[in-house]
Structures are given as C-alpha cells and as structure tokens.
Amino acid sequence: MISSKKHNFQKKSESRDFLAWVPYENLTNVEFIARGGFSQIYKATWKKQIYKANKKNKKGYFFETTTEVVLKVLNNSQNVDTEFFKELKYTYQFGEYTIKCHGVTQIPQTKNYAFILDYATNGDLHQFLNKNFAEITLGTKLKF
C-alpha cells in the first residue's frame, strides 16, 4: 500500500510544478547545518530544470537553474508510512505561511527521505523571532 502511495506521489509530481520528486543526484554541495529530535538539516544546491511555455508557437523549452535549498532529512524514514505522508502534507500546506516545501528526495546511503525546503538566509523561525520580535507588529503576531 505504501509503495502505491509513493508511486502515485511521483506520478502526480511529474505533472505539477509545486511539489516534485527530486533525484538525489540533482542536489550538490550538501553541507550539515543542525540536528533536531526527529530530523537532520542540511543546506544544498538544487540543480533543476524548468519548463518555459511559449504561447505564440505552442512550443516550450527547458532551461536549467540552481537554487539554494534545505534538506530536512527525517530520521528512520526508510519505510514510509501514513505519518510520513501527513508530515509531508502539513509541510506543504503551511509553506504558504512559513517555508515553502518544493518536494521530496531519498538519501541513497541511508534510504531516509528528505523534504526539500526554501533556504532561509536569516536562519530558522526561532532565530528570526529572537532577532526581530520587538519589530514585529502585534497584528502580524496575531496572524500566527
């Protein structure tokens, strides 16, 4: 059952540009940042292809670009289960308000799965709030 969920996820992600299955080979310069209770955090460079449609002649083209991302590697996630898919769903859904989730990859050495997230140049949410709490308006604070 889990295998079919993984297959369906891969198939759906191929047709959408918001959540993708990313081959680990497309991630380079992987560097450890931190360890948490349930995951390890790495910074990486994601080499991705983007499709650009041309409405005039109805032909598009692919171009390659790179972007800095974070890999949130979930501990002991070799055998995905319902909890993994719930975590992925919530990470994606809350990306509108927090850090965007681009997709998933699997680490070849450990077989653990990793979420691919935007890289926050100002650190994580905890660091951001410690640094900027006084400047954030009450209205903004109440939104969260």
N, C-alpha and C. Protein backbone atom coordinates (compact mmCIF):
# COMPACT_ATOMS: atom_id res chain seq x y z
N MET A 1 0.82 -1.20 0.00
CA MET A 1 0.00 0.00 0.00
C MET A 1 0.86 1.26 0.00
N ILE A 2 1.90 1.30 0.86
CA ILE A 2 2.77 2.47 0.91
C ILE A 2 3.48 2.64 -0.43
N SER A 3 3.89 1.54 -1.04
CA SER A 3 4.57 1.60 -2.33
C SER A 3 3.68 2.27 -3.38
N SER A 4 2.39 1.95 -3.37
CA SER A 4 1.48 2.57 -4.34
C SER A 4 1.30 4.06 -4.05
N LYS A 5 1.32 4.46 -2.76
CA LYS A 5 1.23 5.88 -2.41
C LYS A 5 2.45 6.62 -2.93
N LYS A 6 3.63 6.01 -2.77
CA LYS A 6 4.87 6.63 -3.26
C LYS A 6 4.81 6.78 -4.78
N HIS A 7 4.34 5.74 -5.46
CA HIS A 7 4.23 5.78 -6.92
C HIS A 7 3.26 6.87 -7.35
N ASN A 8 2.11 6.97 -6.68
CA ASN A 8 1.12 8.00 -7.03
C ASN A 8 1.69 9.40 -6.80
N PHE A 9 2.44 9.57 -5.70
CA PHE A 9 3.06 10.86 -5.42
C PHE A 9 4.03 11.23 -6.53
N GLN A 10 4.87 10.27 -6.94
CA GLN A 10 5.84 10.54 -8.00
C GLN A 10 5.12 10.90 -9.29
N LYS A 11 4.07 10.16 -9.61
CA LYS A 11 3.34 10.39 -10.86
C LYS A 11 2.68 11.77 -10.86
N LYS A 12 2.04 12.15 -9.75
CA LYS A 12 1.39 13.45 -9.66
C LYS A 12 2.40 14.59 -9.71
N SER A 13 3.54 14.40 -9.07
CA SER A 13 4.53 15.47 -9.01
C SER A 13 5.14 15.76 -10.37
N GLU A 14 5.14 14.78 -11.27
CA GLU A 14 5.69 14.99 -12.60
C GLU A 14 4.85 15.99 -13.40
N SER A 15 3.56 16.08 -13.10
CA SER A 15 2.69 16.94 -13.88
C SER A 15 2.45 18.30 -13.21
N ARG A 16 3.05 18.54 -12.04
CA ARG A 16 2.84 19.80 -11.33
C ARG A 16 4.19 20.43 -11.01
N ASP A 17 4.17 21.74 -10.89
CA ASP A 17 5.43 22.40 -10.61
C ASP A 17 5.59 22.82 -9.16
N PHE A 18 4.68 22.41 -8.28
CA PHE A 18 4.76 22.87 -6.91
C PHE A 18 5.32 21.84 -5.93
N LEU A 19 5.28 20.59 -6.25
CA LEU A 19 5.79 19.56 -5.37
C LEU A 19 6.37 18.46 -6.25
N ALA A 20 7.64 18.16 -6.08
CA ALA A 20 8.32 17.28 -7.02
C ALA A 20 9.06 16.15 -6.33
N TRP A 21 9.21 15.05 -7.03
CA TRP A 21 10.14 14.01 -6.63
C TRP A 21 11.47 14.41 -7.27
N VAL A 22 12.49 14.63 -6.46
CA VAL A 22 13.77 15.13 -6.96
C VAL A 22 14.83 14.04 -6.79
N PRO A 23 15.43 13.58 -7.87
CA PRO A 23 16.52 12.62 -7.73
C PRO A 23 17.66 13.24 -6.91
N TYR A 24 18.21 12.47 -5.99
CA TYR A 24 19.25 12.98 -5.11
C TYR A 24 20.46 13.49 -5.91
N GLU A 25 20.69 12.93 -7.08
CA GLU A 25 21.81 13.35 -7.92
C GLU A 25 21.69 14.82 -8.34
N ASN A 26 20.49 15.39 -8.26
CA ASN A 26 20.28 16.79 -8.62
C ASN A 26 20.64 17.75 -7.49
N LEU A 27 21.08 17.19 -6.36
CA LEU A 27 21.46 18.01 -5.21
C LEU A 27 22.96 17.90 -5.00
N THR A 28 23.62 19.06 -4.94
CA THR A 28 25.07 19.08 -4.76
C THR A 28 25.44 19.98 -3.59
N ASN A 29 26.71 20.01 -3.26
CA ASN A 29 27.22 20.87 -2.18
C ASN A 29 26.44 20.68 -0.88
N VAL A 30 26.10 19.45 -0.56
CA VAL A 30 25.31 19.15 0.64
C VAL A 30 26.20 19.34 1.87
N GLU A 31 25.72 20.19 2.79
CA GLU A 31 26.51 20.51 3.98
C GLU A 31 25.61 20.51 5.22
N PHE A 32 26.04 19.82 6.26
CA PHE A 32 25.29 19.67 7.51
C PHE A 32 25.14 21.03 8.20
N ILE A 33 23.91 21.31 8.71
CA ILE A 33 23.64 22.54 9.45
C ILE A 33 23.32 22.24 10.92
N ALA A 34 22.35 21.34 11.15
CA ALA A 34 21.89 21.11 12.53
C ALA A 34 21.20 19.76 12.65
N ARG A 35 21.05 19.34 13.90
CA ARG A 35 20.35 18.09 14.21
C ARG A 35 19.22 18.42 15.19
N GLY A 36 18.05 17.86 14.92
CA GLY A 36 16.91 18.05 15.81
C GLY A 36 16.46 16.70 16.36
N GLY A 37 15.35 16.70 17.04
CA GLY A 37 14.85 15.47 17.64
C GLY A 37 14.40 14.43 16.63
N PHE A 38 13.85 14.86 15.51
CA PHE A 38 13.29 13.94 14.53
C PHE A 38 13.94 14.04 13.16
N SER A 39 14.91 14.95 13.01
CA SER A 39 15.49 15.15 11.68
C SER A 39 16.88 15.77 11.77
N GLN A 40 17.52 15.78 10.62
CA GLN A 40 18.79 16.47 10.45
C GLN A 40 18.59 17.47 9.32
N ILE A 41 19.25 18.62 9.43
CA ILE A 41 19.07 19.69 8.46
C ILE A 41 20.38 19.91 7.70
N TYR A 42 20.26 19.97 6.38
CA TYR A 42 21.41 20.19 5.51
C TYR A 42 21.08 21.33 4.55
N LYS A 43 22.11 22.05 4.12
CA LYS A 43 21.99 23.03 3.05
C LYS A 43 22.51 22.35 1.80
N ALA A 44 21.88 22.63 0.64
CA ALA A 44 22.30 22.02 -0.61
C ALA A 44 22.00 22.95 -1.78
N THR A 45 22.61 22.66 -2.91
CA THR A 45 22.31 23.36 -4.16
C THR A 45 21.49 22.41 -5.02
N TRP A 46 20.32 22.88 -5.45
CA TRP A 46 19.41 22.06 -6.26
C TRP A 46 19.54 22.50 -7.71
N LYS A 47 19.96 21.58 -8.55
CA LYS A 47 20.02 21.82 -9.99
C LYS A 47 18.71 21.29 -10.57
N LYS A 48 17.89 22.22 -11.08
CA LYS A 48 16.58 21.79 -11.58
C LYS A 48 16.32 22.31 -12.97
N GLN A 49 15.46 21.61 -13.66
CA GLN A 49 15.02 22.04 -14.99
C GLN A 49 13.65 22.67 -14.86
N ILE A 50 13.50 23.78 -15.56
CA ILE A 50 12.22 24.49 -15.56
C ILE A 50 11.72 24.56 -16.99
N TYR A 51 10.44 24.29 -17.16
CA TYR A 51 9.82 24.35 -18.48
C TYR A 51 9.22 25.73 -18.69
N LYS A 52 9.58 26.36 -19.77
CA LYS A 52 9.05 27.67 -20.12
C LYS A 52 8.18 27.52 -21.37
N ALA A 53 6.90 27.77 -21.22
CA ALA A 53 5.97 27.64 -22.35
C ALA A 53 6.02 28.88 -23.23
N ASN A 54 5.86 28.67 -24.52
CA ASN A 54 5.80 29.75 -25.49
C ASN A 54 4.40 29.71 -26.10
N LYS A 55 3.56 30.66 -25.72
CA LYS A 55 2.16 30.65 -26.16
C LYS A 55 2.00 30.97 -27.64
N LYS A 56 2.96 31.69 -28.21
CA LYS A 56 2.84 32.07 -29.62
C LYS A 56 2.91 30.85 -30.54
N ASN A 57 3.97 30.07 -30.40
CA ASN A 57 4.11 28.93 -31.31
C ASN A 57 3.80 27.60 -30.63
N LYS A 58 3.29 27.67 -29.42
CA LYS A 58 2.87 26.50 -28.64
C LYS A 58 3.99 25.49 -28.44
N LYS A 59 5.22 25.96 -28.51
CA LYS A 59 6.36 25.11 -28.21
C LYS A 59 7.08 25.72 -27.03
N GLY A 60 7.49 24.88 -26.14
CA GLY A 60 8.21 25.37 -24.97
C GLY A 60 9.63 24.84 -24.97
N TYR A 61 10.34 25.19 -23.95
CA TYR A 61 11.70 24.72 -23.82
C TYR A 61 12.06 24.58 -22.35
N PHE A 62 13.07 23.78 -22.08
CA PHE A 62 13.57 23.60 -20.74
C PHE A 62 14.86 24.39 -20.57
N PHE A 63 15.05 24.93 -19.37
CA PHE A 63 16.33 25.53 -19.05
C PHE A 63 16.71 25.10 -17.64
N GLU A 64 17.99 25.12 -17.37
CA GLU A 64 18.49 24.65 -16.09
C GLU A 64 18.84 25.83 -15.20
N THR A 65 18.52 25.70 -13.93
CA THR A 65 18.85 26.74 -12.96
C THR A 65 19.26 26.07 -11.65
N THR A 66 19.91 26.81 -10.80
CA THR A 66 20.28 26.28 -9.48
C THR A 66 19.73 27.20 -8.41
N THR A 67 19.43 26.62 -7.26
CA THR A 67 18.93 27.38 -6.13
C THR A 67 19.38 26.72 -4.83
N GLU A 68 19.59 27.53 -3.81
CA GLU A 68 19.97 27.01 -2.50
C GLU A 68 18.71 26.53 -1.79
N VAL A 69 18.77 25.33 -1.22
CA VAL A 69 17.63 24.75 -0.51
C VAL A 69 18.10 24.12 0.79
N VAL A 70 17.15 23.74 1.60
CA VAL A 70 17.40 22.98 2.82
C VAL A 70 16.83 21.59 2.64
N LEU A 71 17.58 20.60 3.08
CA LEU A 71 17.09 19.23 3.12
C LEU A 71 16.76 18.90 4.57
N LYS A 72 15.51 18.60 4.85
CA LYS A 72 15.10 18.15 6.18
C LYS A 72 15.01 16.64 6.10
N VAL A 73 16.07 15.97 6.56
CA VAL A 73 16.16 14.51 6.47
C VAL A 73 15.50 13.91 7.70
N LEU A 74 14.42 13.17 7.48
CA LEU A 74 13.67 12.58 8.59
C LEU A 74 14.37 11.31 9.08
N ASN A 75 14.64 11.25 10.39
CA ASN A 75 15.29 10.08 10.97
C ASN A 75 14.42 8.83 10.79
N ASN A 76 15.07 7.73 10.49
CA ASN A 76 14.39 6.43 10.38
C ASN A 76 13.17 6.46 9.46
N SER A 77 13.31 7.09 8.32
CA SER A 77 12.17 7.21 7.40
C SER A 77 12.32 6.30 6.19
N GLN A 78 13.16 5.27 6.29
CA GLN A 78 13.37 4.36 5.16
C GLN A 78 12.07 3.72 4.72
N ASN A 79 11.25 3.36 5.66
CA ASN A 79 9.96 2.72 5.35
C ASN A 79 8.86 3.74 5.61
N VAL A 80 8.45 4.43 4.55
CA VAL A 80 7.45 5.48 4.73
C VAL A 80 6.13 4.88 5.18
N ASP A 81 5.42 5.66 5.97
CA ASP A 81 4.12 5.23 6.47
C ASP A 81 3.16 6.41 6.40
N THR A 82 2.00 6.22 6.96
CA THR A 82 0.97 7.27 6.92
C THR A 82 1.46 8.54 7.60
N GLU A 83 2.22 8.41 8.69
CA GLU A 83 2.74 9.57 9.40
C GLU A 83 3.65 10.42 8.49
N PHE A 84 4.45 9.75 7.67
CA PHE A 84 5.33 10.46 6.75
C PHE A 84 4.50 11.31 5.79
N PHE A 85 3.45 10.73 5.23
CA PHE A 85 2.62 11.46 4.28
C PHE A 85 1.86 12.60 4.95
N LYS A 86 1.46 12.42 6.22
CA LYS A 86 0.83 13.51 6.96
C LYS A 86 1.81 14.66 7.16
N GLU A 87 3.05 14.33 7.55
CA GLU A 87 4.09 15.35 7.73
C GLU A 87 4.34 16.10 6.43
N LEU A 88 4.41 15.37 5.33
CA LEU A 88 4.62 15.99 4.02
C LEU A 88 3.45 16.91 3.68
N LYS A 89 2.24 16.45 3.91
CA LYS A 89 1.05 17.24 3.61
C LYS A 89 1.06 18.55 4.40
N TYR A 90 1.33 18.47 5.71
CA TYR A 90 1.32 19.66 6.54
C TYR A 90 2.47 20.60 6.19
N THR A 91 3.63 20.04 5.89
CA THR A 91 4.78 20.86 5.50
C THR A 91 4.45 21.63 4.23
N TYR A 92 3.81 20.96 3.28
CA TYR A 92 3.44 21.63 2.04
C TYR A 92 2.35 22.69 2.29
N GLN A 93 1.30 22.31 3.01
CA GLN A 93 0.18 23.23 3.23
C GLN A 93 0.59 24.49 3.98
N PHE A 94 1.45 24.35 4.99
CA PHE A 94 1.84 25.51 5.78
C PHE A 94 2.94 26.32 5.11
N GLY A 95 3.47 25.82 3.98
CA GLY A 95 4.51 26.53 3.24
C GLY A 95 4.08 27.90 2.77
N GLU A 96 2.77 28.09 2.63
CA GLU A 96 2.25 29.40 2.25
C GLU A 96 2.55 30.43 3.33
N TYR A 97 2.59 29.99 4.59
CA TYR A 97 2.79 30.89 5.71
C TYR A 97 4.20 30.79 6.30
N THR A 98 4.89 29.71 6.02
CA THR A 98 6.22 29.53 6.60
C THR A 98 7.23 29.34 5.48
N ILE A 99 7.92 28.23 5.49
CA ILE A 99 8.93 27.95 4.48
C ILE A 99 8.36 26.97 3.45
N LYS A 100 8.47 27.32 2.20
CA LYS A 100 7.88 26.53 1.11
C LYS A 100 8.56 25.17 0.96
N CYS A 101 7.75 24.14 0.78
CA CYS A 101 8.25 22.79 0.51
C CYS A 101 8.15 22.57 -1.00
N HIS A 102 9.30 22.22 -1.62
CA HIS A 102 9.33 22.02 -3.07
C HIS A 102 9.12 20.56 -3.46
N GLY A 103 9.45 19.63 -2.56
CA GLY A 103 9.33 18.23 -2.91
C GLY A 103 10.06 17.33 -1.95
N VAL A 104 10.37 16.14 -2.45
CA VAL A 104 10.98 15.08 -1.63
C VAL A 104 12.10 14.42 -2.41
N THR A 105 13.11 13.94 -1.70
CA THR A 105 14.16 13.11 -2.27
C THR A 105 14.46 11.99 -1.30
N GLN A 106 15.29 11.06 -1.73
CA GLN A 106 15.71 9.97 -0.84
C GLN A 106 17.24 9.93 -0.83
N ILE A 107 17.80 9.86 0.36
CA ILE A 107 19.25 9.83 0.52
C ILE A 107 19.73 8.41 0.19
N PRO A 108 20.56 8.23 -0.83
CA PRO A 108 20.95 6.88 -1.26
C PRO A 108 21.65 6.05 -0.17
N GLN A 109 22.52 6.69 0.62
CA GLN A 109 23.30 5.94 1.61
C GLN A 109 22.43 5.38 2.74
N THR A 110 21.47 6.15 3.22
CA THR A 110 20.66 5.74 4.37
C THR A 110 19.26 5.28 3.99
N LYS A 111 18.81 5.63 2.80
CA LYS A 111 17.45 5.39 2.33
C LYS A 111 16.42 6.23 3.07
N ASN A 112 16.86 7.18 3.90
CA ASN A 112 15.94 8.11 4.57
C ASN A 112 15.42 9.11 3.55
N TYR A 113 14.22 9.62 3.80
CA TYR A 113 13.61 10.61 2.92
C TYR A 113 13.89 12.01 3.46
N ALA A 114 13.92 12.98 2.55
CA ALA A 114 14.16 14.37 2.92
C ALA A 114 13.18 15.27 2.20
N PHE A 115 12.65 16.25 2.94
CA PHE A 115 11.84 17.29 2.34
C PHE A 115 12.79 18.35 1.81
N ILE A 116 12.47 18.90 0.66
CA ILE A 116 13.28 19.96 0.05
C ILE A 116 12.54 21.27 0.30
N LEU A 117 13.18 22.15 1.09
CA LEU A 117 12.55 23.38 1.54
C LEU A 117 13.35 24.60 1.09
N ASP A 118 12.68 25.76 1.06
CA ASP A 118 13.40 27.00 0.79
C ASP A 118 14.50 27.19 1.82
N TYR A 119 15.60 27.77 1.39
CA TYR A 119 16.68 28.10 2.31
C TYR A 119 16.41 29.49 2.86
N ALA A 120 16.34 29.61 4.18
CA ALA A 120 16.09 30.89 4.84
C ALA A 120 17.43 31.52 5.21
N THR A 121 17.80 32.57 4.52
CA THR A 121 19.10 33.19 4.76
C THR A 121 19.23 33.78 6.16
N ASN A 122 18.10 34.08 6.80
CA ASN A 122 18.13 34.64 8.15
C ASN A 122 18.00 33.57 9.23
N GLY A 123 18.16 32.31 8.89
CA GLY A 123 18.07 31.24 9.87
C GLY A 123 16.66 30.70 9.99
N ASP A 124 16.45 29.87 11.00
CA ASP A 124 15.14 29.27 11.19
C ASP A 124 14.19 30.24 11.89
N LEU A 125 12.95 29.82 12.09
CA LEU A 125 11.93 30.67 12.68
C LEU A 125 12.34 31.12 14.08
N HIS A 126 12.89 30.22 14.87
CA HIS A 126 13.33 30.57 16.23
C HIS A 126 14.37 31.69 16.21
N GLN A 127 15.36 31.57 15.35
CA GLN A 127 16.39 32.60 15.23
C GLN A 127 15.79 33.92 14.74
N PHE A 128 14.88 33.84 13.78
CA PHE A 128 14.25 35.04 13.24
C PHE A 128 13.47 35.78 14.32
N LEU A 129 12.67 35.04 15.10
CA LEU A 129 11.88 35.67 16.16
C LEU A 129 12.76 36.27 17.24
N ASN A 130 13.83 35.56 17.63
CA ASN A 130 14.74 36.11 18.64
C ASN A 130 15.35 37.44 18.18
N LYS A 131 15.67 37.53 16.91
CA LYS A 131 16.32 38.71 16.37
C LYS A 131 15.33 39.85 16.12
N ASN A 132 14.10 39.54 15.71
CA ASN A 132 13.17 40.56 15.22
C ASN A 132 11.88 40.72 16.02
N PHE A 133 11.74 40.06 17.15
CA PHE A 133 10.47 40.03 17.87
C PHE A 133 9.95 41.44 18.19
N ALA A 134 10.81 42.33 18.63
CA ALA A 134 10.38 43.68 19.01
C ALA A 134 9.85 44.48 17.82
N GLU A 135 10.38 44.20 16.63
CA GLU A 135 9.97 44.97 15.45
C GLU A 135 8.69 44.44 14.79
N ILE A 136 8.30 43.22 15.12
CA ILE A 136 7.11 42.63 14.51
C ILE A 136 5.87 43.21 15.18
N THR A 137 4.93 43.69 14.37
CA THR A 137 3.73 44.32 14.91
C THR A 137 2.82 43.29 15.56
N LEU A 138 1.97 43.76 16.44
CA LEU A 138 1.02 42.88 17.12
C LEU A 138 0.09 42.22 16.10
N GLY A 139 -0.34 42.97 15.11
CA GLY A 139 -1.22 42.42 14.07
C GLY A 139 -0.58 41.25 13.35
N THR A 140 0.70 41.36 13.02
CA THR A 140 1.43 40.27 12.36
C THR A 140 1.55 39.08 13.29
N LYS A 141 1.85 39.35 14.56
CA LYS A 141 1.99 38.25 15.54
C LYS A 141 0.67 37.48 15.69
N LEU A 142 -0.44 38.19 15.67
CA LEU A 142 -1.74 37.55 15.84
C LEU A 142 -2.15 36.68 14.66
N LYS A 143 -1.56 36.91 13.50
CA LYS A 143 -1.87 36.09 12.33
C LYS A 143 -1.40 34.66 12.54
N PHE A 144 -0.40 34.48 13.39
CA PHE A 144 0.16 33.16 13.61
C PHE A 144 -0.24 32.63 14.94
